[in-house]
Amino acid sequence: MKNIDAAFRHIKMFSILLLAGCFSLCFYVLYKSNELSARVQDRIYILAGDKALEAYASGRKDNIPVEAKDHVSMFHQYFFTLDPDDKVIDANLSKAMYLSDGSAKKQYDNLKETGYYSNIISGNISQEINIDSVHVDIKQLPYYFKCFGTIRIIRPNSIVTRNLITEGFLRNTARSDHNPHGFLIERWSTLENKDLKTENR
């Protein structure tokens, strides 16, 4: 009887240890599978031809400086890239207006009133901008930025290079097809826009 009682205690202890081990293993497997699932969700695979390229998802805070600089660059490209075609001018300026508030519209209206765009069309002038650098201060909202660039004005008989410095603020808005970065330029103003050199063609 003593042997039976001891054997029963051993079997009971063994069963309890086996159940505890099974539960521990189950919890460990669940934890690891959730961890792996979270890691997999942060990865995106992009098919480029016959190759699969891996990309990583990241939060908006990680990308604010890059996206802010690209938003400012895109706005200036749309606003200052002009060709002697009213449809091209309207298309570019329409895109620029989605990225900014009334301060850019005010500058556009001033240029339109002085006949700037009609002179570009009638004089067969092209204008292009090269962004040298964009500085963004992301310490506080709205984010202050300063943009440095050069504008080339290509006329039939000369090319004028101008220095351009602008400043403004960026505030967060909802992302959309017209505004993919989710920023809006406010209080935009031109600090400097002067001739650097003129070349004959």
N, C-alpha and C. Protein backbone atom coordinates (compact mmCIF):
# COMPACT_ATOMS: atom_id res chain seq x y z
N MET A 1 0.83 -1.21 0.00
CA MET A 1 0.00 0.00 0.00
C MET A 1 0.87 1.27 0.00
N LYS A 2 2.01 1.16 0.78
CA LYS A 2 2.89 2.31 0.83
C LYS A 2 3.48 2.60 -0.55
N ASN A 3 3.86 1.49 -1.25
CA ASN A 3 4.41 1.66 -2.59
C ASN A 3 3.40 2.26 -3.55
N ILE A 4 2.13 1.82 -3.43
CA ILE A 4 1.08 2.35 -4.30
C ILE A 4 0.87 3.84 -4.01
N ASP A 5 0.86 4.20 -2.74
CA ASP A 5 0.66 5.60 -2.35
C ASP A 5 1.82 6.48 -2.86
N ALA A 6 3.06 5.99 -2.70
CA ALA A 6 4.23 6.74 -3.18
C ALA A 6 4.22 6.87 -4.70
N ALA A 7 3.85 5.75 -5.36
CA ALA A 7 3.79 5.79 -6.83
C ALA A 7 2.73 6.79 -7.30
N PHE A 8 1.58 6.83 -6.61
CA PHE A 8 0.52 7.76 -6.97
C PHE A 8 0.98 9.21 -6.81
N ARG A 9 1.76 9.46 -5.68
CA ARG A 9 2.28 10.81 -5.46
C ARG A 9 3.27 11.21 -6.56
N HIS A 10 4.12 10.22 -6.95
CA HIS A 10 5.09 10.48 -8.02
C HIS A 10 4.39 10.78 -9.34
N ILE A 11 3.36 9.99 -9.64
CA ILE A 11 2.61 10.19 -10.89
C ILE A 11 1.91 11.54 -10.86
N LYS A 12 1.34 11.89 -9.70
CA LYS A 12 0.65 13.18 -9.55
C LYS A 12 1.62 14.34 -9.74
N MET A 13 2.81 14.23 -9.11
CA MET A 13 3.83 15.28 -9.25
C MET A 13 4.32 15.38 -10.69
N PHE A 14 4.55 14.23 -11.33
CA PHE A 14 5.00 14.19 -12.71
C PHE A 14 3.96 14.83 -13.64
N SER A 15 2.67 14.54 -13.39
CA SER A 15 1.58 15.10 -14.21
C SER A 15 1.50 16.61 -14.06
N ILE A 16 1.65 17.08 -12.82
CA ILE A 16 1.60 18.53 -12.58
C ILE A 16 2.76 19.23 -13.30
N LEU A 17 3.98 18.63 -13.16
CA LEU A 17 5.15 19.21 -13.83
C LEU A 17 4.99 19.18 -15.35
N LEU A 18 4.42 18.07 -15.86
CA LEU A 18 4.20 17.97 -17.30
C LEU A 18 3.20 19.01 -17.80
N LEU A 19 2.10 19.21 -17.05
CA LEU A 19 1.11 20.24 -17.41
C LEU A 19 1.71 21.65 -17.35
N ALA A 20 2.50 21.91 -16.31
CA ALA A 20 3.15 23.23 -16.18
C ALA A 20 4.10 23.46 -17.35
N GLY A 21 4.86 22.41 -17.71
CA GLY A 21 5.77 22.53 -18.85
C GLY A 21 5.02 22.78 -20.15
N CYS A 22 3.89 22.08 -20.34
CA CYS A 22 3.07 22.27 -21.56
C CYS A 22 2.53 23.70 -21.64
N PHE A 23 2.00 24.19 -20.50
CA PHE A 23 1.47 25.56 -20.50
C PHE A 23 2.58 26.58 -20.75
N SER A 24 3.76 26.36 -20.14
CA SER A 24 4.88 27.28 -20.36
C SER A 24 5.29 27.29 -21.83
N LEU A 25 5.35 26.09 -22.42
CA LEU A 25 5.72 25.99 -23.82
C LEU A 25 4.69 26.68 -24.71
N CYS A 26 3.40 26.51 -24.41
CA CYS A 26 2.32 27.16 -25.19
C CYS A 26 2.43 28.68 -25.12
N PHE A 27 2.64 29.22 -23.89
CA PHE A 27 2.75 30.67 -23.73
C PHE A 27 3.98 31.21 -24.47
N TYR A 28 5.10 30.45 -24.40
CA TYR A 28 6.32 30.86 -25.09
C TYR A 28 6.11 30.89 -26.60
N VAL A 29 5.45 29.86 -27.12
CA VAL A 29 5.18 29.80 -28.56
C VAL A 29 4.25 30.94 -28.98
N LEU A 30 3.21 31.23 -28.20
CA LEU A 30 2.29 32.34 -28.51
C LEU A 30 3.03 33.68 -28.50
N TYR A 31 3.88 33.87 -27.50
CA TYR A 31 4.63 35.13 -27.39
C TYR A 31 5.55 35.31 -28.60
N LYS A 32 6.28 34.24 -28.95
CA LYS A 32 7.21 34.33 -30.08
C LYS A 32 6.48 34.52 -31.41
N SER A 33 5.33 33.87 -31.56
CA SER A 33 4.58 34.02 -32.82
C SER A 33 4.03 35.43 -32.97
N ASN A 34 3.57 36.04 -31.85
CA ASN A 34 3.10 37.45 -31.90
C ASN A 34 4.25 38.39 -32.22
N GLU A 35 5.43 38.13 -31.64
CA GLU A 35 6.61 38.95 -31.91
C GLU A 35 7.02 38.85 -33.38
N LEU A 36 7.00 37.63 -33.92
CA LEU A 36 7.35 37.42 -35.32
C LEU A 36 6.33 38.07 -36.24
N SER A 37 5.04 37.97 -35.86
CA SER A 37 3.98 38.58 -36.67
C SER A 37 4.14 40.10 -36.72
N ALA A 38 4.47 40.72 -35.59
CA ALA A 38 4.68 42.18 -35.55
C ALA A 38 5.88 42.58 -36.41
N ARG A 39 6.94 41.76 -36.36
CA ARG A 39 8.12 42.06 -37.18
C ARG A 39 7.82 41.93 -38.67
N VAL A 40 7.04 40.94 -39.02
CA VAL A 40 6.70 40.71 -40.43
C VAL A 40 5.82 41.84 -40.96
N GLN A 41 4.94 42.37 -40.12
CA GLN A 41 4.05 43.45 -40.56
C GLN A 41 4.80 44.74 -40.83
N ASP A 42 5.99 44.90 -40.26
CA ASP A 42 6.80 46.09 -40.52
C ASP A 42 7.59 46.00 -41.82
N ARG A 43 7.51 44.87 -42.49
CA ARG A 43 8.25 44.67 -43.74
C ARG A 43 7.29 44.63 -44.91
N ILE A 44 7.73 45.26 -45.97
CA ILE A 44 6.94 45.28 -47.21
C ILE A 44 7.85 44.78 -48.32
N TYR A 45 7.31 43.93 -49.17
CA TYR A 45 8.09 43.44 -50.30
C TYR A 45 7.56 44.06 -51.57
N ILE A 46 8.46 44.64 -52.34
CA ILE A 46 8.09 45.31 -53.58
C ILE A 46 8.65 44.49 -54.73
N LEU A 47 7.80 44.16 -55.70
CA LEU A 47 8.26 43.43 -56.87
C LEU A 47 8.72 44.41 -57.94
N ALA A 48 9.99 44.28 -58.34
CA ALA A 48 10.55 45.10 -59.40
C ALA A 48 11.09 44.15 -60.46
N GLY A 49 10.29 43.92 -61.49
CA GLY A 49 10.67 42.95 -62.51
C GLY A 49 10.63 41.55 -61.92
N ASP A 50 11.77 40.86 -61.91
CA ASP A 50 11.82 39.51 -61.36
C ASP A 50 12.49 39.47 -59.98
N LYS A 51 12.63 40.65 -59.35
CA LYS A 51 13.28 40.72 -58.04
C LYS A 51 12.28 41.20 -56.98
N ALA A 52 12.41 40.65 -55.79
CA ALA A 52 11.61 41.10 -54.65
C ALA A 52 12.50 41.95 -53.75
N LEU A 53 12.15 43.22 -53.60
CA LEU A 53 12.93 44.14 -52.77
C LEU A 53 12.21 44.34 -51.45
N GLU A 54 12.98 44.34 -50.36
CA GLU A 54 12.40 44.48 -49.04
C GLU A 54 12.43 45.92 -48.59
N ALA A 55 11.28 46.39 -48.11
CA ALA A 55 11.19 47.76 -47.58
C ALA A 55 10.67 47.67 -46.14
N TYR A 56 10.97 48.65 -45.33
CA TYR A 56 10.55 48.66 -43.93
C TYR A 56 9.58 49.80 -43.66
N ALA A 57 8.52 49.49 -42.94
CA ALA A 57 7.56 50.53 -42.55
C ALA A 57 8.11 51.28 -41.34
N SER A 58 7.87 52.57 -41.28
CA SER A 58 8.32 53.37 -40.14
C SER A 58 7.27 54.41 -39.80
N GLY A 59 7.34 54.94 -38.59
CA GLY A 59 6.36 55.92 -38.14
C GLY A 59 6.59 57.28 -38.78
N ARG A 60 5.57 58.14 -38.74
CA ARG A 60 5.68 59.46 -39.36
C ARG A 60 6.76 60.31 -38.70
N LYS A 61 6.92 60.17 -37.38
CA LYS A 61 7.91 60.99 -36.67
C LYS A 61 9.32 60.75 -37.20
N ASP A 62 9.60 59.52 -37.62
CA ASP A 62 10.94 59.21 -38.13
C ASP A 62 11.22 59.93 -39.45
N ASN A 63 10.15 60.24 -40.21
CA ASN A 63 10.32 60.78 -41.56
C ASN A 63 10.02 62.27 -41.68
N ILE A 64 9.69 62.94 -40.59
CA ILE A 64 9.28 64.35 -40.68
C ILE A 64 10.33 65.23 -41.37
N PRO A 65 11.61 65.16 -40.99
CA PRO A 65 12.59 66.05 -41.66
C PRO A 65 12.67 65.80 -43.17
N VAL A 66 12.68 64.53 -43.57
CA VAL A 66 12.80 64.19 -45.00
C VAL A 66 11.55 64.63 -45.75
N GLU A 67 10.37 64.31 -45.20
CA GLU A 67 9.12 64.67 -45.88
C GLU A 67 8.93 66.18 -45.94
N ALA A 68 9.29 66.87 -44.86
CA ALA A 68 9.15 68.34 -44.85
C ALA A 68 10.03 68.98 -45.92
N LYS A 69 11.27 68.53 -46.03
CA LYS A 69 12.18 69.08 -47.05
C LYS A 69 11.67 68.79 -48.46
N ASP A 70 11.15 67.57 -48.66
CA ASP A 70 10.64 67.22 -49.99
C ASP A 70 9.39 68.03 -50.32
N HIS A 71 8.54 68.28 -49.32
CA HIS A 71 7.34 69.09 -49.53
C HIS A 71 7.71 70.50 -49.98
N VAL A 72 8.68 71.11 -49.29
CA VAL A 72 9.13 72.46 -49.64
C VAL A 72 9.74 72.47 -51.04
N SER A 73 10.56 71.47 -51.34
CA SER A 73 11.19 71.39 -52.67
C SER A 73 10.14 71.25 -53.77
N MET A 74 9.15 70.36 -53.53
CA MET A 74 8.10 70.15 -54.53
C MET A 74 7.33 71.44 -54.79
N PHE A 75 6.99 72.15 -53.72
CA PHE A 75 6.25 73.40 -53.87
C PHE A 75 7.03 74.39 -54.73
N HIS A 76 8.32 74.57 -54.43
CA HIS A 76 9.14 75.52 -55.18
C HIS A 76 9.31 75.08 -56.64
N GLN A 77 9.44 73.77 -56.86
CA GLN A 77 9.54 73.27 -58.23
C GLN A 77 8.28 73.62 -59.02
N TYR A 78 7.12 73.40 -58.43
CA TYR A 78 5.86 73.69 -59.12
C TYR A 78 5.67 75.20 -59.32
N PHE A 79 6.03 76.00 -58.31
CA PHE A 79 5.76 77.43 -58.36
C PHE A 79 6.70 78.14 -59.33
N PHE A 80 7.96 77.71 -59.39
CA PHE A 80 8.95 78.45 -60.18
C PHE A 80 9.34 77.81 -61.51
N THR A 81 8.88 76.60 -61.78
CA THR A 81 9.17 75.97 -63.07
C THR A 81 8.08 76.38 -64.05
N LEU A 82 8.47 77.21 -65.02
CA LEU A 82 7.50 77.79 -65.96
C LEU A 82 8.01 77.63 -67.39
N ASP A 83 7.08 77.42 -68.31
CA ASP A 83 7.39 77.33 -69.73
C ASP A 83 6.42 78.24 -70.49
N PRO A 84 6.77 78.64 -71.71
CA PRO A 84 5.88 79.55 -72.46
C PRO A 84 4.63 78.84 -72.98
N ASP A 85 3.84 78.31 -72.04
CA ASP A 85 2.60 77.60 -72.37
C ASP A 85 1.65 77.80 -71.20
N ASP A 86 0.52 78.45 -71.46
CA ASP A 86 -0.39 78.78 -70.35
C ASP A 86 -0.93 77.54 -69.65
N LYS A 87 -1.07 76.41 -70.37
CA LYS A 87 -1.57 75.18 -69.74
C LYS A 87 -0.54 74.60 -68.77
N VAL A 88 0.73 74.64 -69.17
CA VAL A 88 1.80 74.16 -68.28
C VAL A 88 1.89 75.04 -67.04
N ILE A 89 1.81 76.35 -67.24
CA ILE A 89 1.87 77.29 -66.11
C ILE A 89 0.71 77.04 -65.15
N ASP A 90 -0.51 76.93 -65.70
CA ASP A 90 -1.69 76.70 -64.85
C ASP A 90 -1.60 75.38 -64.11
N ALA A 91 -1.12 74.32 -64.80
CA ALA A 91 -1.02 72.99 -64.16
C ALA A 91 -0.03 73.02 -63.00
N ASN A 92 1.14 73.62 -63.23
CA ASN A 92 2.16 73.67 -62.17
C ASN A 92 1.71 74.52 -60.98
N LEU A 93 1.13 75.68 -61.28
CA LEU A 93 0.70 76.56 -60.19
C LEU A 93 -0.49 75.98 -59.43
N SER A 94 -1.33 75.23 -60.12
CA SER A 94 -2.44 74.56 -59.45
C SER A 94 -1.92 73.53 -58.45
N LYS A 95 -0.89 72.78 -58.85
CA LYS A 95 -0.28 71.81 -57.93
C LYS A 95 0.37 72.51 -56.74
N ALA A 96 1.00 73.65 -57.00
CA ALA A 96 1.66 74.40 -55.92
C ALA A 96 0.65 74.92 -54.91
N MET A 97 -0.52 75.33 -55.39
CA MET A 97 -1.54 75.90 -54.48
C MET A 97 -2.10 74.86 -53.51
N TYR A 98 -2.07 73.56 -53.90
CA TYR A 98 -2.52 72.51 -52.99
C TYR A 98 -1.55 72.33 -51.82
N LEU A 99 -0.31 72.77 -51.99
CA LEU A 99 0.72 72.56 -50.97
C LEU A 99 0.92 73.77 -50.06
N SER A 100 0.15 74.85 -50.30
CA SER A 100 0.37 76.08 -49.54
C SER A 100 -0.95 76.79 -49.24
N ASP A 101 -0.86 77.82 -48.41
CA ASP A 101 -2.06 78.58 -48.05
C ASP A 101 -2.16 79.85 -48.91
N GLY A 102 -2.90 80.82 -48.44
CA GLY A 102 -3.15 82.04 -49.20
C GLY A 102 -1.94 82.92 -49.43
N SER A 103 -0.85 82.71 -48.68
CA SER A 103 0.35 83.54 -48.88
C SER A 103 0.96 83.29 -50.25
N ALA A 104 0.94 82.05 -50.71
CA ALA A 104 1.45 81.74 -52.06
C ALA A 104 0.49 82.26 -53.13
N LYS A 105 -0.80 82.15 -52.85
CA LYS A 105 -1.82 82.66 -53.80
C LYS A 105 -1.68 84.17 -53.96
N LYS A 106 -1.34 84.84 -52.87
CA LYS A 106 -1.17 86.30 -52.93
C LYS A 106 0.02 86.66 -53.83
N GLN A 107 1.13 85.92 -53.69
CA GLN A 107 2.30 86.19 -54.55
C GLN A 107 1.97 85.88 -56.01
N TYR A 108 1.23 84.81 -56.23
CA TYR A 108 0.82 84.45 -57.59
C TYR A 108 -0.04 85.57 -58.20
N ASP A 109 -1.00 86.08 -57.42
CA ASP A 109 -1.88 87.15 -57.91
C ASP A 109 -1.07 88.41 -58.24
N ASN A 110 -0.08 88.73 -57.38
CA ASN A 110 0.76 89.91 -57.64
C ASN A 110 1.54 89.76 -58.94
N LEU A 111 2.11 88.57 -59.17
CA LEU A 111 2.87 88.33 -60.41
C LEU A 111 1.95 88.37 -61.63
N LYS A 112 0.75 87.84 -61.46
CA LYS A 112 -0.21 87.84 -62.58
C LYS A 112 -0.64 89.26 -62.93
N GLU A 113 -0.87 90.08 -61.91
CA GLU A 113 -1.28 91.48 -62.14
C GLU A 113 -0.21 92.28 -62.87
N THR A 114 1.06 91.99 -62.57
CA THR A 114 2.15 92.73 -63.22
C THR A 114 2.45 92.19 -64.62
N GLY A 115 1.73 91.15 -65.03
CA GLY A 115 1.92 90.60 -66.38
C GLY A 115 3.11 89.67 -66.51
N TYR A 116 3.58 89.12 -65.38
CA TYR A 116 4.76 88.25 -65.40
C TYR A 116 4.54 87.01 -66.26
N TYR A 117 3.40 86.35 -66.07
CA TYR A 117 3.14 85.09 -66.79
C TYR A 117 2.85 85.34 -68.27
N SER A 118 2.16 86.42 -68.57
CA SER A 118 1.90 86.73 -69.98
C SER A 118 3.19 87.12 -70.70
N ASN A 119 4.15 87.76 -69.98
CA ASN A 119 5.46 88.08 -70.57
C ASN A 119 6.26 86.81 -70.86
N ILE A 120 6.14 85.82 -70.00
CA ILE A 120 6.84 84.54 -70.22
C ILE A 120 6.32 83.88 -71.49
N ILE A 121 4.99 83.91 -71.67
CA ILE A 121 4.40 83.28 -72.86
C ILE A 121 4.77 84.06 -74.12
N SER A 122 4.60 85.38 -74.08
CA SER A 122 4.86 86.18 -75.28
C SER A 122 6.34 86.25 -75.63
N GLY A 123 7.22 86.15 -74.63
CA GLY A 123 8.65 86.24 -74.88
C GLY A 123 9.34 84.91 -75.08
N ASN A 124 8.55 83.81 -75.10
CA ASN A 124 9.12 82.45 -75.24
C ASN A 124 10.23 82.20 -74.21
N ILE A 125 9.89 82.49 -72.97
CA ILE A 125 10.86 82.36 -71.87
C ILE A 125 10.55 81.10 -71.07
N SER A 126 11.60 80.38 -70.71
CA SER A 126 11.47 79.24 -69.80
C SER A 126 12.16 79.58 -68.48
N GLN A 127 11.60 79.05 -67.41
CA GLN A 127 12.19 79.31 -66.09
C GLN A 127 12.27 77.99 -65.35
N GLU A 128 13.43 77.72 -64.76
CA GLU A 128 13.59 76.49 -63.98
C GLU A 128 14.33 76.81 -62.69
N ILE A 129 14.06 76.00 -61.67
CA ILE A 129 14.68 76.24 -60.36
C ILE A 129 15.50 75.03 -59.96
N ASN A 130 16.61 75.30 -59.30
CA ASN A 130 17.44 74.26 -58.71
C ASN A 130 17.52 74.53 -57.21
N ILE A 131 16.99 73.58 -56.41
CA ILE A 131 17.00 73.75 -54.96
C ILE A 131 18.36 73.33 -54.43
N ASP A 132 19.07 74.27 -53.81
CA ASP A 132 20.39 73.97 -53.24
C ASP A 132 20.24 73.26 -51.89
N SER A 133 19.40 73.82 -51.02
CA SER A 133 19.19 73.20 -49.71
C SER A 133 17.91 73.73 -49.07
N VAL A 134 17.37 72.92 -48.17
CA VAL A 134 16.19 73.31 -47.39
C VAL A 134 16.49 73.01 -45.93
N HIS A 135 16.37 74.02 -45.08
CA HIS A 135 16.59 73.84 -43.63
C HIS A 135 15.23 73.89 -42.94
N VAL A 136 14.94 72.85 -42.14
CA VAL A 136 13.66 72.78 -41.42
C VAL A 136 13.94 72.62 -39.94
N ASP A 137 13.30 73.44 -39.12
CA ASP A 137 13.41 73.35 -37.67
C ASP A 137 12.19 72.60 -37.15
N ILE A 138 12.39 71.35 -36.69
CA ILE A 138 11.25 70.53 -36.28
C ILE A 138 11.08 70.51 -34.75
N LYS A 139 11.67 71.48 -34.07
CA LYS A 139 11.58 71.50 -32.61
C LYS A 139 10.19 71.89 -32.13
N GLN A 140 9.50 72.74 -32.89
CA GLN A 140 8.15 73.15 -32.46
C GLN A 140 7.26 73.37 -33.68
N LEU A 141 5.96 73.17 -33.46
CA LEU A 141 4.98 73.38 -34.52
C LEU A 141 4.51 74.83 -34.51
N PRO A 142 4.18 75.42 -35.66
CA PRO A 142 4.49 74.91 -37.00
C PRO A 142 5.98 74.96 -37.28
N TYR A 143 6.46 74.05 -38.13
CA TYR A 143 7.88 73.94 -38.41
C TYR A 143 8.34 75.09 -39.31
N TYR A 144 9.38 75.78 -38.86
CA TYR A 144 9.95 76.87 -39.66
C TYR A 144 10.90 76.29 -40.71
N PHE A 145 10.87 76.84 -41.93
CA PHE A 145 11.81 76.40 -42.95
C PHE A 145 12.41 77.59 -43.68
N LYS A 146 13.59 77.36 -44.23
CA LYS A 146 14.24 78.33 -45.11
C LYS A 146 14.76 77.56 -46.31
N CYS A 147 14.45 78.05 -47.50
CA CYS A 147 14.81 77.37 -48.74
C CYS A 147 15.80 78.22 -49.54
N PHE A 148 16.88 77.58 -50.00
CA PHE A 148 17.90 78.24 -50.80
C PHE A 148 17.94 77.59 -52.18
N GLY A 149 17.92 78.42 -53.21
CA GLY A 149 17.95 77.87 -54.57
C GLY A 149 18.41 78.90 -55.58
N THR A 150 18.54 78.44 -56.83
CA THR A 150 18.88 79.33 -57.93
C THR A 150 17.87 79.13 -59.06
N ILE A 151 17.47 80.24 -59.68
CA ILE A 151 16.52 80.22 -60.78
C ILE A 151 17.26 80.57 -62.07
N ARG A 152 17.03 79.78 -63.11
CA ARG A 152 17.57 80.08 -64.44
C ARG A 152 16.42 80.54 -65.33
N ILE A 153 16.53 81.75 -65.83
CA ILE A 153 15.53 82.30 -66.74
C ILE A 153 16.13 82.26 -68.15
N ILE A 154 15.59 81.39 -68.98
CA ILE A 154 16.16 81.15 -70.32
C ILE A 154 15.35 81.94 -71.34
N ARG A 155 15.98 82.99 -71.87
CA ARG A 155 15.36 83.83 -72.90
C ARG A 155 15.94 83.44 -74.26
N PRO A 156 15.34 83.89 -75.36
CA PRO A 156 15.87 83.53 -76.69
C PRO A 156 17.32 83.93 -76.91
N ASN A 157 17.78 85.02 -76.26
CA ASN A 157 19.15 85.46 -76.52
C ASN A 157 20.04 85.53 -75.26
N SER A 158 19.51 85.13 -74.09
CA SER A 158 20.34 85.17 -72.87
C SER A 158 19.79 84.21 -71.81
N ILE A 159 20.65 83.91 -70.84
CA ILE A 159 20.25 83.10 -69.68
C ILE A 159 20.62 83.90 -68.43
N VAL A 160 19.62 84.18 -67.62
CA VAL A 160 19.83 84.93 -66.37
C VAL A 160 19.75 83.96 -65.20
N THR A 161 20.74 83.99 -64.32
CA THR A 161 20.73 83.15 -63.11
C THR A 161 20.46 84.06 -61.92
N ARG A 162 19.45 83.69 -61.13
CA ARG A 162 19.05 84.49 -59.98
C ARG A 162 19.19 83.67 -58.70
N ASN A 163 19.53 84.35 -57.63
CA ASN A 163 19.61 83.73 -56.31
C ASN A 163 18.24 83.85 -55.64
N LEU A 164 17.76 82.76 -55.03
CA LEU A 164 16.44 82.77 -54.38
C LEU A 164 16.55 82.23 -52.97
N ILE A 165 16.03 82.99 -52.01
CA ILE A 165 15.91 82.53 -50.62
C ILE A 165 14.49 82.82 -50.17
N THR A 166 13.80 81.80 -49.69
CA THR A 166 12.44 81.98 -49.19
C THR A 166 12.33 81.38 -47.79
N GLU A 167 11.29 81.76 -47.08
CA GLU A 167 11.04 81.20 -45.76
C GLU A 167 9.55 81.02 -45.55
N GLY A 168 9.20 80.24 -44.54
CA GLY A 168 7.79 80.02 -44.23
C GLY A 168 7.66 79.01 -43.10
N PHE A 169 6.45 78.54 -42.90
CA PHE A 169 6.16 77.58 -41.84
C PHE A 169 5.36 76.42 -42.42
N LEU A 170 5.52 75.25 -41.82
CA LEU A 170 4.80 74.06 -42.24
C LEU A 170 3.89 73.60 -41.12
N ARG A 171 2.62 73.39 -41.47
CA ARG A 171 1.70 72.82 -40.47
C ARG A 171 1.17 71.50 -40.99
N ASN A 172 0.86 70.59 -40.06
CA ASN A 172 0.36 69.27 -40.42
C ASN A 172 -1.07 69.33 -40.94
N THR A 173 -1.34 68.60 -42.01
CA THR A 173 -2.70 68.45 -42.53
C THR A 173 -2.87 66.99 -42.93
N ALA A 174 -4.06 66.65 -43.38
CA ALA A 174 -4.32 65.28 -43.83
C ALA A 174 -3.62 65.03 -45.16
N ARG A 175 -3.15 63.82 -45.35
CA ARG A 175 -2.54 63.44 -46.62
C ARG A 175 -3.62 63.24 -47.67
N SER A 176 -3.28 63.53 -48.92
CA SER A 176 -4.21 63.32 -50.02
C SER A 176 -3.41 63.11 -51.29
N ASP A 177 -4.11 62.83 -52.39
CA ASP A 177 -3.41 62.66 -53.67
C ASP A 177 -2.71 63.95 -54.09
N HIS A 178 -3.32 65.09 -53.76
CA HIS A 178 -2.73 66.38 -54.12
C HIS A 178 -1.65 66.82 -53.13
N ASN A 179 -1.70 66.28 -51.92
CA ASN A 179 -0.76 66.67 -50.87
C ASN A 179 -0.25 65.40 -50.16
N PRO A 180 0.66 64.66 -50.80
CA PRO A 180 1.06 63.35 -50.26
C PRO A 180 1.84 63.41 -48.95
N HIS A 181 2.50 64.54 -48.65
CA HIS A 181 3.29 64.62 -47.42
C HIS A 181 2.47 65.05 -46.21
N GLY A 182 1.29 65.60 -46.43
CA GLY A 182 0.46 66.02 -45.30
C GLY A 182 0.96 67.27 -44.60
N PHE A 183 1.52 68.21 -45.35
CA PHE A 183 1.95 69.50 -44.80
C PHE A 183 1.29 70.62 -45.59
N LEU A 184 1.18 71.80 -44.98
CA LEU A 184 0.69 72.99 -45.67
C LEU A 184 1.64 74.14 -45.36
N ILE A 185 2.13 74.79 -46.42
CA ILE A 185 3.05 75.93 -46.25
C ILE A 185 2.24 77.17 -45.88
N GLU A 186 2.66 77.83 -44.80
CA GLU A 186 1.99 79.05 -44.33
C GLU A 186 3.00 80.20 -44.26
N ARG A 187 2.48 81.43 -44.37
CA ARG A 187 3.27 82.65 -44.22
C ARG A 187 4.54 82.60 -45.07
N TRP A 188 4.37 82.15 -46.32
CA TRP A 188 5.51 82.01 -47.22
C TRP A 188 5.91 83.38 -47.76
N SER A 189 7.19 83.68 -47.73
CA SER A 189 7.67 84.97 -48.24
C SER A 189 9.06 84.80 -48.86
N THR A 190 9.38 85.71 -49.78
CA THR A 190 10.67 85.70 -50.46
C THR A 190 11.60 86.67 -49.76
N LEU A 191 12.74 86.18 -49.28
CA LEU A 191 13.72 87.02 -48.60
C LEU A 191 14.69 87.66 -49.59
N GLU A 192 15.04 86.90 -50.64
CA GLU A 192 16.01 87.41 -51.61
C GLU A 192 15.73 86.82 -52.97
N ASN A 193 15.76 87.66 -54.00
CA ASN A 193 15.58 87.19 -55.39
C ASN A 193 16.32 88.19 -56.28
N LYS A 194 17.64 87.97 -56.44
CA LYS A 194 18.44 88.95 -57.18
C LYS A 194 19.30 88.25 -58.23
N ASP A 195 19.66 89.00 -59.26
CA ASP A 195 20.49 88.46 -60.35
C ASP A 195 21.89 88.14 -59.87
N LEU A 196 22.38 86.97 -60.30
CA LEU A 196 23.77 86.59 -60.03
C LEU A 196 24.64 86.80 -61.27
N LYS A 197 24.11 86.37 -62.43
CA LYS A 197 24.89 86.54 -63.68
C LYS A 197 23.96 86.44 -64.87
N THR A 198 24.45 86.98 -65.99
CA THR A 198 23.74 86.92 -67.27
C THR A 198 24.71 86.40 -68.33
N GLU A 199 24.25 85.39 -69.06
CA GLU A 199 25.07 84.81 -70.13
C GLU A 199 24.36 85.02 -71.46
N ASN A 200 25.13 85.35 -72.48
CA ASN A 200 24.56 85.46 -73.82
C ASN A 200 24.49 84.05 -74.45
N ARG A 201 23.47 83.85 -75.25
CA ARG A 201 23.31 82.55 -75.93
C ARG A 201 23.81 82.62 -77.35
